[in-house]
Amino acid sequence: MASSVLNGAENLPLSTGRAPSGLGFLGSSLHGRRLPKMGMVPFNGNSRTRTMVPKCSLSSSRPANQPRFIQHKKEAFWFYRFLSIVYDHVINPGHWTEDMRDDALEPADLFDPRLKVVDVGGGTGFTTLGIIKHVHPKNVTILDQSPHQLAKARQKEALKECTIIEGDAEDLPFPTDSVDRYISAGSIEYWPDPQRGIKEAYRVLKLGGIACVIGPVYPTFWLSRFFADVWMLFPKEEEYIEWFQKAGFKDVKLKRIGPKWYRGVRRHGLIMGCSVTGVKRASGDSPLQLGPKAEDVKQPVNPFAFLTRFILGTIAAAYFVLVPIYMWIKDQIVPKGMPI
């Protein structure tokens, strides 16, 4: 896949939403307009030049009584209670293919089979299957809060030697400075507090270890934006970068990914739209200090409010099942070489 490397990107005024000229964007924008070429976007936090902190116009962590409806651990738990039945056969073919997975994992630099890797929010193990192409399964741990998703992972023969455990991405059960690679694909969109999850990624990594977070991108098409905001977290690219930088990572890079039949179109939003990596710069915990968790799963919930949020969130999710079908049909109809 073609790579567009942006020199000096740490000084881009990302909040403008306009595509800079002469930097490999080819008429695209960071907010999801058409991207004919997808590639790596470095944001070095240790540059001698003054770094402009990206501005995020949307709050990525919202109170539990407000949309997004499935961006809460309890709703996500029940959402995957049912989705786990068809996840590998319905969601992945449209949003998370094997080619996309391998492309998204490439920046994680899984070069040594002896690397100790955690796959956070690993679910059914689809991403883990890409990890063990390079790393011995006995060195890989899959963590997810959904026992139903993990049950699917345990059924896969290739993952028999992996360690599979239930856990919380915002409170990882791993010692500080204990793993070489942190991978999380298709999980951040359900985190009530994404910054806390990325801070945890920094903590558990060894000095020089790499975190790789793969997730959705915020759409620009108005209807897609509406359903994205109802369903779950679709971060903007600059939000990913800001979370990594605040957690303390250096050499932060973002790689755009997508199904081949999208032809680079991102305005409808992609459940798996980018792969962001960062390198741990110093031993120990992240220097970032945070307050209490955004969501306490031990607190009781109003059953009616819970059911309402769950139903509305599931309806919104159905929209994004239809989007890849629509894009695939357009790819078949519109002549090759023309934008869709």
C-alpha atoms as a PDB file:
ATOM      1  CA  MET A   1       0.000   0.000   0.000  1.00  0.00           C
ATOM      2  CA  ALA A   2       1.250   3.447  -0.847  1.00  0.00           C
ATOM      3  CA  SER A   3       2.685   5.390   2.055  1.00  0.00           C
ATOM      4  CA  SER A   4       2.385   9.125   2.547  1.00  0.00           C
ATOM      5  CA  VAL A   5       4.926  10.360   5.101  1.00  0.00           C
ATOM      6  CA  LEU A   6       4.424  13.863   6.394  1.00  0.00           C
ATOM      7  CA  ASN A   7       7.644  15.582   7.374  1.00  0.00           C
ATOM      8  CA  GLY A   8       7.168  18.155  10.101  1.00  0.00           C
ATOM      9  CA  ALA A   9       3.587  17.040  10.694  1.00  0.00           C
ATOM     10  CA  GLU A  10       3.929  17.798  14.382  1.00  0.00           C
ATOM     11  CA  ASN A  11       3.310  21.465  13.542  1.00  0.00           C
ATOM     12  CA  LEU A  12       0.156  21.021  11.484  1.00  0.00           C
ATOM     13  CA  PRO A  13      -2.857  22.978  12.762  1.00  0.00           C
ATOM     14  CA  LEU A  14      -5.026  19.871  12.830  1.00  0.00           C
ATOM     15  CA  SER A  15      -8.141  21.576  14.115  1.00  0.00           C
ATOM     16  CA  THR A  16      -8.744  23.388  10.839  1.00  0.00           C
ATOM     17  CA  GLY A  17      -9.908  20.263   9.003  1.00  0.00           C
ATOM     18  CA  ARG A  18      -8.354  21.469   5.742  1.00  0.00           C
ATOM     19  CA  ALA A  19      -5.902  19.428   3.751  1.00  0.00           C
ATOM     20  CA  PRO A  20      -2.421  20.991   3.700  1.00  0.00           C
ATOM     21  CA  SER A  21      -0.870  21.173   0.280  1.00  0.00           C
ATOM     22  CA  GLY A  22       2.434  19.584  -0.631  1.00  0.00           C
ATOM     23  CA  LEU A  23       2.417  17.096   2.225  1.00  0.00           C
ATOM     24  CA  GLY A  24       1.137  13.939   0.590  1.00  0.00           C
ATOM     25  CA  PHE A  25      -2.541  14.399   1.371  1.00  0.00           C
ATOM     26  CA  LEU A  26      -3.523  14.541  -2.297  1.00  0.00           C
ATOM     27  CA  GLY A  27      -6.640  16.607  -1.718  1.00  0.00           C
ATOM     28  CA  SER A  28      -7.803  14.744   1.355  1.00  0.00           C
ATOM     29  CA  SER A  29      -8.467  15.956   4.879  1.00  0.00           C
ATOM     30  CA  LEU A  30      -7.903  14.666   8.360  1.00  0.00           C
ATOM     31  CA  HIS A  31     -11.640  14.676   8.964  1.00  0.00           C
ATOM     32  CA  GLY A  32     -12.500  11.838   6.620  1.00  0.00           C
ATOM     33  CA  ARG A  33     -12.897  13.158   3.097  1.00  0.00           C
ATOM     34  CA  ARG A  34     -11.692  11.135   0.149  1.00  0.00           C
ATOM     35  CA  LEU A  35      -8.187   9.725   0.674  1.00  0.00           C
ATOM     36  CA  PRO A  36      -6.882   8.203  -2.547  1.00  0.00           C
ATOM     37  CA  LYS A  37      -3.727   7.086  -0.777  1.00  0.00           C
ATOM     38  CA  MET A  38      -3.509   5.857   2.776  1.00  0.00           C
ATOM     39  CA  GLY A  39      -0.276   5.797   4.718  1.00  0.00           C
ATOM     40  CA  MET A  40       1.755   6.803   7.727  1.00  0.00           C
ATOM     41  CA  VAL A  41       1.431  10.161   9.442  1.00  0.00           C
ATOM     42  CA  PRO A  42       4.166  10.817  12.042  1.00  0.00           C
ATOM     43  CA  PHE A  43       3.647  13.208  14.952  1.00  0.00           C
ATOM     44  CA  ASN A  44       6.894  13.453  16.924  1.00  0.00           C
ATOM     45  CA  GLY A  45       6.348  14.761  20.405  1.00  0.00           C
ATOM     46  CA  ASN A  46      10.072  15.167  21.059  1.00  0.00           C
ATOM     47  CA  SER A  47      10.815  17.559  18.228  1.00  0.00           C
ATOM     48  CA  ARG A  48      12.810  20.693  19.032  1.00  0.00           C
ATOM     49  CA  THR A  49      10.229  22.706  17.164  1.00  0.00           C
ATOM     50  CA  ARG A  50       7.145  23.908  18.961  1.00  0.00           C
ATOM     51  CA  THR A  51       4.450  21.220  18.894  1.00  0.00           C
ATOM     52  CA  MET A  52       0.912  22.370  18.344  1.00  0.00           C
ATOM     53  CA  VAL A  53      -1.495  20.372  20.483  1.00  0.00           C
ATOM     54  CA  PRO A  54      -4.451  19.171  18.389  1.00  0.00           C
ATOM     55  CA  LYS A  55      -7.815  20.601  19.321  1.00  0.00           C
ATOM     56  CA  CYS A  56     -10.725  18.184  19.594  1.00  0.00           C
ATOM     57  CA  SER A  57     -14.097  19.729  18.931  1.00  0.00           C
ATOM     58  CA  LEU A  58     -15.974  16.730  20.329  1.00  0.00           C
ATOM     59  CA  SER A  59     -15.714  15.296  23.813  1.00  0.00           C
ATOM     60  CA  SER A  60     -14.568  11.692  23.493  1.00  0.00           C
ATOM     61  CA  SER A  61     -15.704  10.716  26.963  1.00  0.00           C
ATOM     62  CA  ARG A  62     -19.351  11.356  27.741  1.00  0.00           C
ATOM     63  CA  PRO A  63     -21.472  10.881  30.867  1.00  0.00           C
ATOM     64  CA  ALA A  64     -23.160   7.482  31.115  1.00  0.00           C
ATOM     65  CA  ASN A  65     -26.625   9.041  30.697  1.00  0.00           C
ATOM     66  CA  GLN A  66     -25.817  10.591  27.312  1.00  0.00           C
ATOM     67  CA  PRO A  67     -25.151   9.109  23.872  1.00  0.00           C
ATOM     68  CA  ARG A  68     -23.115   7.385  22.606  1.00  0.00           C
ATOM     69  CA  PHE A  69     -25.375   4.534  23.680  1.00  0.00           C
ATOM     70  CA  ILE A  70     -22.990   1.570  23.380  1.00  0.00           C
ATOM     71  CA  GLN A  71     -19.918   3.430  24.658  1.00  0.00           C
ATOM     72  CA  HIS A  72     -20.412   1.953  28.096  1.00  0.00           C
ATOM     73  CA  LYS A  73     -19.075  -1.325  29.433  1.00  0.00           C
ATOM     74  CA  LYS A  74     -22.449  -2.751  30.450  1.00  0.00           C
ATOM     75  CA  GLU A  75     -24.116  -2.066  27.104  1.00  0.00           C
ATOM     76  CA  ALA A  76     -21.054  -3.348  25.245  1.00  0.00           C
ATOM     77  CA  PHE A  77     -21.144  -6.550  27.328  1.00  0.00           C
ATOM     78  CA  TRP A  78     -24.709  -7.349  26.250  1.00  0.00           C
ATOM     79  CA  PHE A  79     -24.179  -6.053  22.737  1.00  0.00           C
ATOM     80  CA  TYR A  80     -21.451  -8.649  22.230  1.00  0.00           C
ATOM     81  CA  ARG A  81     -23.512 -11.312  23.986  1.00  0.00           C
ATOM     82  CA  PHE A  82     -25.474 -11.430  20.727  1.00  0.00           C
ATOM     83  CA  LEU A  83     -22.960 -10.048  18.227  1.00  0.00           C
ATOM     84  CA  SER A  84     -20.388 -12.698  19.128  1.00  0.00           C
ATOM     85  CA  ILE A  85     -22.595 -15.257  17.381  1.00  0.00           C
ATOM     86  CA  VAL A  86     -22.066 -13.640  13.967  1.00  0.00           C
ATOM     87  CA  TYR A  87     -19.079 -11.316  14.554  1.00  0.00           C
ATOM     88  CA  ASP A  88     -16.529 -13.169  12.412  1.00  0.00           C
ATOM     89  CA  HIS A  89     -19.016 -13.736   9.594  1.00  0.00           C
ATOM     90  CA  VAL A  90     -20.996 -10.467   9.452  1.00  0.00           C
ATOM     91  CA  ILE A  91     -18.875  -7.608  10.843  1.00  0.00           C
ATOM     92  CA  ASN A  92     -15.381  -8.642   9.750  1.00  0.00           C
ATOM     93  CA  PRO A  93     -16.085  -9.188   6.024  1.00  0.00           C
ATOM     94  CA  GLY A  94     -17.262  -5.597   5.668  1.00  0.00           C
ATOM     95  CA  HIS A  95     -15.036  -3.697   8.062  1.00  0.00           C
ATOM     96  CA  TRP A  96     -12.085  -5.800   9.165  1.00  0.00           C
ATOM     97  CA  THR A  97     -10.646  -8.100   6.516  1.00  0.00           C
ATOM     98  CA  GLU A  98      -7.481 -10.178   6.771  1.00  0.00           C
ATOM     99  CA  ASP A  99      -5.672  -7.824   4.387  1.00  0.00           C
ATOM    100  CA  MET A 100      -6.672  -4.818   6.504  1.00  0.00           C
ATOM    101  CA  ARG A 101      -5.611  -6.609   9.674  1.00  0.00           C
ATOM    102  CA  ASP A 102      -2.155  -7.466   8.364  1.00  0.00           C
ATOM    103  CA  ASP A 103      -1.702  -3.939   7.019  1.00  0.00           C
ATOM    104  CA  ALA A 104      -2.794  -2.379  10.319  1.00  0.00           C
ATOM    105  CA  LEU A 105      -0.444  -4.596  12.365  1.00  0.00           C
ATOM    106  CA  GLU A 106       2.606  -3.823  10.227  1.00  0.00           C
ATOM    107  CA  PRO A 107       3.543  -0.635  12.182  1.00  0.00           C
ATOM    108  CA  ALA A 108       3.554  -2.664  15.434  1.00  0.00           C
ATOM    109  CA  ASP A 109       6.826  -4.190  14.265  1.00  0.00           C
ATOM    110  CA  LEU A 110       6.114  -7.778  15.281  1.00  0.00           C
ATOM    111  CA  PHE A 111       9.531  -8.924  14.102  1.00  0.00           C
ATOM    112  CA  ASP A 112      10.486 -11.437  16.796  1.00  0.00           C
ATOM    113  CA  PRO A 113       8.544 -14.580  17.789  1.00  0.00           C
ATOM    114  CA  ARG A 114       9.797 -14.107  21.368  1.00  0.00           C
ATOM    115  CA  LEU A 115       8.020 -10.782  21.850  1.00  0.00           C
ATOM    116  CA  LYS A 116       5.536 -10.684  24.716  1.00  0.00           C
ATOM    117  CA  VAL A 117       2.261  -9.319  23.305  1.00  0.00           C
ATOM    118  CA  VAL A 118      -1.116  -8.430  24.815  1.00  0.00           C
ATOM    119  CA  ASP A 119      -4.172  -8.165  22.557  1.00  0.00           C
ATOM    120  CA  VAL A 120      -6.542  -5.920  24.523  1.00  0.00           C
ATOM    121  CA  GLY A 121     -10.177  -6.210  23.519  1.00  0.00           C
ATOM    122  CA  GLY A 122      -9.111  -9.241  21.495  1.00  0.00           C
ATOM    123  CA  GLY A 123     -12.663 -10.635  21.288  1.00  0.00           C
ATOM    124  CA  THR A 124     -12.963 -13.651  19.013  1.00  0.00           C
ATOM    125  CA  GLY A 125      -9.223 -13.640  18.320  1.00  0.00           C
ATOM    126  CA  PHE A 126      -9.433 -12.400  14.734  1.00  0.00           C
ATOM    127  CA  THR A 127      -6.668  -9.852  15.279  1.00  0.00           C
ATOM    128  CA  THR A 128      -4.702 -12.359  17.357  1.00  0.00           C
ATOM    129  CA  LEU A 129      -4.555 -14.659  14.337  1.00  0.00           C
ATOM    130  CA  GLY A 130      -2.634 -11.887  12.591  1.00  0.00           C
ATOM    131  CA  ILE A 131      -0.314 -11.436  15.581  1.00  0.00           C
ATOM    132  CA  ILE A 132       0.653 -15.104  15.785  1.00  0.00           C
ATOM    133  CA  LYS A 133       1.821 -15.037  12.188  1.00  0.00           C
ATOM    134  CA  HIS A 134       4.913 -13.396  13.666  1.00  0.00           C
ATOM    135  CA  VAL A 135       4.857 -14.095  17.420  1.00  0.00           C
ATOM    136  CA  HIS A 136       4.694 -17.510  19.080  1.00  0.00           C
ATOM    137  CA  PRO A 137       1.179 -18.052  20.520  1.00  0.00           C
ATOM    138  CA  LYS A 138       2.544 -18.922  23.971  1.00  0.00           C
ATOM    139  CA  ASN A 139       3.820 -15.337  24.227  1.00  0.00           C
ATOM    140  CA  VAL A 140       0.431 -13.782  23.409  1.00  0.00           C
ATOM    141  CA  THR A 141      -2.329 -12.902  25.872  1.00  0.00           C
ATOM    142  CA  ILE A 142      -5.888 -12.116  24.716  1.00  0.00           C
ATOM    143  CA  LEU A 143      -7.926  -9.933  27.061  1.00  0.00           C
ATOM    144  CA  ASP A 144     -11.571  -8.941  26.699  1.00  0.00           C
ATOM    145  CA  GLN A 145     -14.477  -8.105  29.000  1.00  0.00           C
ATOM    146  CA  SER A 146     -16.849 -10.310  26.979  1.00  0.00           C
ATOM    147  CA  PRO A 147     -16.809 -14.010  27.929  1.00  0.00           C
ATOM    148  CA  HIS A 148     -18.967 -14.685  24.880  1.00  0.00           C
ATOM    149  CA  GLN A 149     -16.358 -13.257  22.503  1.00  0.00           C
ATOM    150  CA  LEU A 150     -13.542 -15.072  24.299  1.00  0.00           C
ATOM    151  CA  ALA A 151     -15.462 -18.342  24.011  1.00  0.00           C
ATOM    152  CA  LYS A 152     -15.163 -17.971  20.242  1.00  0.00           C
ATOM    153  CA  ALA A 153     -11.422 -17.361  20.559  1.00  0.00           C
ATOM    154  CA  ARG A 154     -10.986 -20.505  22.655  1.00  0.00           C
ATOM    155  CA  GLN A 155     -12.590 -22.548  19.888  1.00  0.00           C
ATOM    156  CA  LYS A 156      -9.862 -21.613  17.396  1.00  0.00           C
ATOM    157  CA  GLU A 157      -7.178 -24.263  17.212  1.00  0.00           C
ATOM    158  CA  ALA A 158      -4.447 -21.778  16.249  1.00  0.00           C
ATOM    159  CA  LEU A 159      -5.006 -19.896  19.526  1.00  0.00           C
ATOM    160  CA  LYS A 160      -4.855 -22.890  21.865  1.00  0.00           C
ATOM    161  CA  GLU A 161      -1.456 -21.869  23.259  1.00  0.00           C
ATOM    162  CA  CYS A 162      -2.457 -18.250  23.841  1.00  0.00           C
ATOM    163  CA  THR A 163      -3.397 -17.070  27.325  1.00  0.00           C
ATOM    164  CA  ILE A 164      -7.047 -15.960  27.277  1.00  0.00           C
ATOM    165  CA  ILE A 165      -8.427 -13.896  30.164  1.00  0.00           C
ATOM    166  CA  GLU A 166     -11.314 -11.579  31.004  1.00  0.00           C
ATOM    167  CA  GLY A 167     -10.351  -8.030  31.900  1.00  0.00           C
ATOM    168  CA  ASP A 168     -10.890  -4.296  31.593  1.00  0.00           C
ATOM    169  CA  ALA A 169      -8.928  -2.222  29.063  1.00  0.00           C
ATOM    170  CA  GLU A 170      -8.973   0.720  31.478  1.00  0.00           C
ATOM    171  CA  ASP A 171      -7.538  -1.362  34.346  1.00  0.00           C
ATOM    172  CA  LEU A 172      -5.198  -3.989  32.920  1.00  0.00           C
ATOM    173  CA  PRO A 173      -4.157  -6.931  35.143  1.00  0.00           C
ATOM    174  CA  PHE A 174      -0.529  -6.761  33.998  1.00  0.00           C
ATOM    175  CA  PRO A 175       2.508  -5.408  35.872  1.00  0.00           C
ATOM    176  CA  THR A 176       4.112  -2.125  34.858  1.00  0.00           C
ATOM    177  CA  ASP A 177       6.918  -2.513  32.267  1.00  0.00           C
ATOM    178  CA  SER A 178       5.941  -6.123  31.511  1.00  0.00           C
ATOM    179  CA  VAL A 179       5.144  -6.489  27.790  1.00  0.00           C
ATOM    180  CA  ASP A 180       6.877  -5.702  24.492  1.00  0.00           C
ATOM    181  CA  ARG A 181       3.805  -4.949  22.394  1.00  0.00           C
ATOM    182  CA  TYR A 182       0.327  -3.700  23.202  1.00  0.00           C
ATOM    183  CA  ILE A 183      -2.258  -4.326  20.466  1.00  0.00           C
ATOM    184  CA  SER A 184      -5.893  -3.266  20.583  1.00  0.00           C
ATOM    185  CA  ALA A 185      -8.172  -3.534  17.547  1.00  0.00           C
ATOM    186  CA  GLY A 186     -11.855  -2.642  17.501  1.00  0.00           C
ATOM    187  CA  SER A 187     -12.006  -1.965  21.221  1.00  0.00           C
ATOM    188  CA  ILE A 188     -11.400   1.755  21.803  1.00  0.00           C
ATOM    189  CA  GLU A 189     -14.816   2.637  20.407  1.00  0.00           C
ATOM    190  CA  TYR A 190     -16.405   1.062  23.513  1.00  0.00           C
ATOM    191  CA  TRP A 191     -14.127   2.675  26.096  1.00  0.00           C
ATOM    192  CA  PRO A 192     -15.912   5.260  28.271  1.00  0.00           C
ATOM    193  CA  ASP A 193     -12.528   6.951  28.788  1.00  0.00           C
ATOM    194  CA  PRO A 194     -10.143   6.385  25.834  1.00  0.00           C
ATOM    195  CA  GLN A 195      -7.374   8.441  27.429  1.00  0.00           C
ATOM    196  CA  ARG A 196      -7.346   6.123  30.445  1.00  0.00           C
ATOM    197  CA  GLY A 197      -7.083   3.060  28.218  1.00  0.00           C
ATOM    198  CA  ILE A 198      -4.115   4.469  26.313  1.00  0.00           C
ATOM    199  CA  LYS A 199      -2.492   5.514  29.578  1.00  0.00           C
ATOM    200  CA  GLU A 200      -2.770   1.864  30.661  1.00  0.00           C
ATOM    201  CA  ALA A 201      -1.132   0.798  27.405  1.00  0.00           C
ATOM    202  CA  TYR A 202       1.836   3.024  28.265  1.00  0.00           C
ATOM    203  CA  ARG A 203       2.083   1.628  31.791  1.00  0.00           C
ATOM    204  CA  VAL A 204       2.247  -2.061  30.901  1.00  0.00           C
ATOM    205  CA  LEU A 205       4.767  -1.652  28.081  1.00  0.00           C
ATOM    206  CA  LYS A 206       8.500  -2.050  28.598  1.00  0.00           C
ATOM    207  CA  LEU A 207      10.821   0.834  27.775  1.00  0.00           C
ATOM    208  CA  GLY A 208      10.886   1.127  23.978  1.00  0.00           C
ATOM    209  CA  GLY A 209       7.793  -1.052  23.620  1.00  0.00           C
ATOM    210  CA  ILE A 210       5.171  -0.206  21.003  1.00  0.00           C
ATOM    211  CA  ALA A 211       1.450   0.353  21.459  1.00  0.00           C
ATOM    212  CA  CYS A 212      -0.772  -0.153  18.412  1.00  0.00           C
ATOM    213  CA  VAL A 213      -4.416   0.925  18.622  1.00  0.00           C
ATOM    214  CA  ILE A 214      -6.655   0.171  15.639  1.00  0.00           C
ATOM    215  CA  GLY A 215     -10.082   1.739  15.498  1.00  0.00           C
ATOM    216  CA  PRO A 216     -12.758   3.715  13.661  1.00  0.00           C
ATOM    217  CA  VAL A 217     -12.590   7.189  12.153  1.00  0.00           C
ATOM    218  CA  TYR A 218     -15.217   9.894  12.480  1.00  0.00           C
ATOM    219  CA  PRO A 219     -17.371  10.246   9.323  1.00  0.00           C
ATOM    220  CA  THR A 220     -18.111  13.489   7.505  1.00  0.00           C
ATOM    221  CA  PHE A 221     -21.369  12.454   5.798  1.00  0.00           C
ATOM    222  CA  TRP A 222     -24.183  13.908   7.920  1.00  0.00           C
ATOM    223  CA  LEU A 223     -26.244  10.728   8.258  1.00  0.00           C
ATOM    224  CA  SER A 224     -23.190   8.651   9.143  1.00  0.00           C
ATOM    225  CA  ARG A 225     -22.202  11.251  11.740  1.00  0.00           C
ATOM    226  CA  PHE A 226     -25.653  11.013  13.314  1.00  0.00           C
ATOM    227  CA  PHE A 227     -25.567   7.225  13.657  1.00  0.00           C
ATOM    228  CA  ALA A 228     -21.931   7.269  14.770  1.00  0.00           C
ATOM    229  CA  ASP A 229     -22.752   9.645  17.604  1.00  0.00           C
ATOM    230  CA  VAL A 230     -25.721   7.500  18.616  1.00  0.00           C
ATOM    231  CA  TRP A 231     -23.845   4.206  18.496  1.00  0.00           C
ATOM    232  CA  MET A 232     -20.298   4.382  19.836  1.00  0.00           C
ATOM    233  CA  LEU A 233     -17.054   6.354  19.776  1.00  0.00           C
ATOM    234  CA  PHE A 234     -15.722   7.276  16.330  1.00  0.00           C
ATOM    235  CA  PRO A 235     -12.631   9.377  17.174  1.00  0.00           C
ATOM    236  CA  LYS A 236     -11.137  11.930  14.839  1.00  0.00           C
ATOM    237  CA  GLU A 237      -7.580  11.212  13.772  1.00  0.00           C
ATOM    238  CA  GLU A 238      -6.175  14.123  15.768  1.00  0.00           C
ATOM    239  CA  GLU A 239      -7.887  12.769  18.900  1.00  0.00           C
ATOM    240  CA  TYR A 240      -5.939   9.522  18.604  1.00  0.00           C
ATOM    241  CA  ILE A 241      -2.716  11.498  18.276  1.00  0.00           C
ATOM    242  CA  GLU A 242      -3.544  13.688  21.275  1.00  0.00           C
ATOM    243  CA  TRP A 243      -4.347  10.696  23.504  1.00  0.00           C
ATOM    244  CA  PHE A 244      -1.038   9.038  22.661  1.00  0.00           C
ATOM    245  CA  GLN A 245       0.978  12.217  23.158  1.00  0.00           C
ATOM    246  CA  LYS A 246      -0.668  13.032  26.495  1.00  0.00           C
ATOM    247  CA  ALA A 247      -0.004   9.492  27.734  1.00  0.00           C
ATOM    248  CA  GLY A 248       3.707  10.080  27.106  1.00  0.00           C
ATOM    249  CA  PHE A 249       4.347   8.193  23.869  1.00  0.00           C
ATOM    250  CA  LYS A 250       6.959   9.347  21.380  1.00  0.00           C
ATOM    251  CA  ASP A 251       7.225   8.700  17.629  1.00  0.00           C
ATOM    252  CA  VAL A 252       3.442   8.664  17.328  1.00  0.00           C
ATOM    253  CA  LYS A 253       2.259   7.662  13.852  1.00  0.00           C
ATOM    254  CA  LEU A 254      -1.119   7.107  12.241  1.00  0.00           C
ATOM    255  CA  LYS A 255      -1.737   4.802   9.305  1.00  0.00           C
ATOM    256  CA  ARG A 256      -5.006   4.914   7.383  1.00  0.00           C
ATOM    257  CA  ILE A 257      -6.592   1.581   6.523  1.00  0.00           C
ATOM    258  CA  GLY A 258      -9.801   0.504   4.806  1.00  0.00           C
ATOM    259  CA  PRO A 259     -11.399  -2.201   2.649  1.00  0.00           C
ATOM    260  CA  LYS A 260     -10.161  -2.121  -0.937  1.00  0.00           C
ATOM    261  CA  TRP A 261     -13.674  -1.536  -2.279  1.00  0.00           C
ATOM    262  CA  TYR A 262     -13.902   1.820  -0.446  1.00  0.00           C
ATOM    263  CA  ARG A 263     -11.299   3.245  -2.869  1.00  0.00           C
ATOM    264  CA  GLY A 264     -10.070   5.528  -0.121  1.00  0.00           C
ATOM    265  CA  VAL A 265     -13.512   7.008   0.658  1.00  0.00           C
ATOM    266  CA  ARG A 266     -13.901   7.713   4.368  1.00  0.00           C
ATOM    267  CA  ARG A 267     -16.840  10.087   4.577  1.00  0.00           C
ATOM    268  CA  HIS A 268     -19.244   7.347   5.721  1.00  0.00           C
ATOM    269  CA  GLY A 269     -16.975   6.313   8.570  1.00  0.00           C
ATOM    270  CA  LEU A 270     -15.011   3.115   9.029  1.00  0.00           C
ATOM    271  CA  ILE A 271     -15.323   0.798  12.008  1.00  0.00           C
ATOM    272  CA  MET A 272     -11.660  -0.010  11.395  1.00  0.00           C
ATOM    273  CA  GLY A 273     -10.192   3.095   9.809  1.00  0.00           C
ATOM    274  CA  CYS A 274      -6.737   3.737  11.234  1.00  0.00           C
ATOM    275  CA  SER A 275      -3.823   2.164  13.039  1.00  0.00           C
ATOM    276  CA  VAL A 276      -2.008   4.402  15.546  1.00  0.00           C
ATOM    277  CA  THR A 277       1.341   3.520  17.090  1.00  0.00           C
ATOM    278  CA  GLY A 278       3.592   5.072  19.715  1.00  0.00           C
ATOM    279  CA  VAL A 279       6.821   4.133  21.498  1.00  0.00           C
ATOM    280  CA  LYS A 280       7.204   4.167  25.293  1.00  0.00           C
ATOM    281  CA  ARG A 281       9.798   6.805  26.087  1.00  0.00           C
ATOM    282  CA  ALA A 282      10.564   6.082  29.766  1.00  0.00           C
ATOM    283  CA  SER A 283      10.165   3.243  32.256  1.00  0.00           C
ATOM    284  CA  GLY A 284       7.322   3.258  34.742  1.00  0.00           C
ATOM    285  CA  ASP A 285       3.794   4.569  34.628  1.00  0.00           C
ATOM    286  CA  SER A 286       2.544   7.291  32.321  1.00  0.00           C
ATOM    287  CA  PRO A 287       3.223  10.839  33.546  1.00  0.00           C
ATOM    288  CA  LEU A 288      -0.431  11.676  32.882  1.00  0.00           C
ATOM    289  CA  GLN A 289      -2.606  12.037  35.964  1.00  0.00           C
ATOM    290  CA  LEU A 290      -6.327  11.243  35.692  1.00  0.00           C
ATOM    291  CA  GLY A 291      -9.289  11.462  38.029  1.00  0.00           C
ATOM    292  CA  PRO A 292     -11.882   8.756  38.794  1.00  0.00           C
ATOM    293  CA  LYS A 293     -13.117   6.443  36.064  1.00  0.00           C
ATOM    294  CA  ALA A 294     -15.845   7.739  33.783  1.00  0.00           C
ATOM    295  CA  GLU A 295     -17.985   4.668  34.434  1.00  0.00           C
ATOM    296  CA  ASP A 296     -18.330   2.529  37.547  1.00  0.00           C
ATOM    297  CA  VAL A 297     -19.711  -0.844  36.434  1.00  0.00           C
ATOM    298  CA  LYS A 298     -20.562  -1.716  40.042  1.00  0.00           C
ATOM    299  CA  GLN A 299     -23.156   1.036  40.240  1.00  0.00           C
ATOM    300  CA  PRO A 300     -26.788  -0.094  39.704  1.00  0.00           C
ATOM    301  CA  VAL A 301     -28.538   1.055  36.539  1.00  0.00           C
ATOM    302  CA  ASN A 302     -32.121   1.911  35.712  1.00  0.00           C
ATOM    303  CA  PRO A 303     -33.373  -1.128  33.727  1.00  0.00           C
ATOM    304  CA  PHE A 304     -35.610   0.990  31.496  1.00  0.00           C
ATOM    305  CA  ALA A 305     -32.831   3.468  30.699  1.00  0.00           C
ATOM    306  CA  PHE A 306     -30.409   0.603  30.060  1.00  0.00           C
ATOM    307  CA  LEU A 307     -32.798  -1.172  27.691  1.00  0.00           C
ATOM    308  CA  THR A 308     -33.590   2.063  25.843  1.00  0.00           C
ATOM    309  CA  ARG A 309     -29.898   2.867  25.324  1.00  0.00           C
ATOM    310  CA  PHE A 310     -29.193  -0.686  24.234  1.00  0.00           C
ATOM    311  CA  ILE A 311     -32.000  -0.762  21.659  1.00  0.00           C
ATOM    312  CA  LEU A 312     -31.164   2.663  20.189  1.00  0.00           C
ATOM    313  CA  GLY A 313     -27.474   1.810  20.038  1.00  0.00           C
ATOM    314  CA  THR A 314     -28.173  -1.477  18.291  1.00  0.00           C
ATOM    315  CA  ILE A 315     -30.365   0.259  15.696  1.00  0.00           C
ATOM    316  CA  ALA A 316     -27.537   2.701  15.003  1.00  0.00           C
ATOM    317  CA  ALA A 317     -25.119  -0.236  14.679  1.00  0.00           C
ATOM    318  CA  ALA A 318     -27.306  -1.736  11.945  1.00  0.00           C
ATOM    319  CA  TYR A 319     -26.628   1.324   9.792  1.00  0.00           C
ATOM    320  CA  PHE A 320     -22.909   0.535   9.762  1.00  0.00           C
ATOM    321  CA  VAL A 321     -23.604  -3.050   8.750  1.00  0.00           C
ATOM    322  CA  LEU A 322     -25.323  -1.646   5.639  1.00  0.00           C
ATOM    323  CA  VAL A 323     -22.587   0.892   4.773  1.00  0.00           C
ATOM    324  CA  PRO A 324     -20.005  -1.636   3.485  1.00  0.00           C
ATOM    325  CA  ILE A 325     -22.709  -3.348   1.420  1.00  0.00           C
ATOM    326  CA  TYR A 326     -23.546   0.014  -0.151  1.00  0.00           C
ATOM    327  CA  MET A 327     -19.857   0.735  -0.808  1.00  0.00           C
ATOM    328  CA  TRP A 328     -19.282  -2.724  -2.301  1.00  0.00           C
ATOM    329  CA  ILE A 329     -22.200  -2.235  -4.708  1.00  0.00           C
ATOM    330  CA  LYS A 330     -20.860   1.177  -5.726  1.00  0.00           C
ATOM    331  CA  ASP A 331     -17.446  -0.373  -6.323  1.00  0.00           C
ATOM    332  CA  GLN A 332     -19.030  -2.904  -8.665  1.00  0.00           C
ATOM    333  CA  ILE A 333     -21.046  -0.285 -10.590  1.00  0.00           C
ATOM    334  CA  VAL A 334     -18.734   2.735 -10.830  1.00  0.00           C
ATOM    335  CA  PRO A 335     -15.936   2.268 -13.406  1.00  0.00           C
ATOM    336  CA  LYS A 336     -12.505   1.578 -11.947  1.00  0.00           C
ATOM    337  CA  GLY A 337     -10.362   4.638 -11.534  1.00  0.00           C
ATOM    338  CA  MET A 338     -13.325   6.900 -10.822  1.00  0.00           C
ATOM    339  CA  PRO A 339     -14.098   8.173  -7.317  1.00  0.00           C
ATOM    340  CA  ILE A 340     -17.101   6.772  -5.439  1.00  0.00           C
END
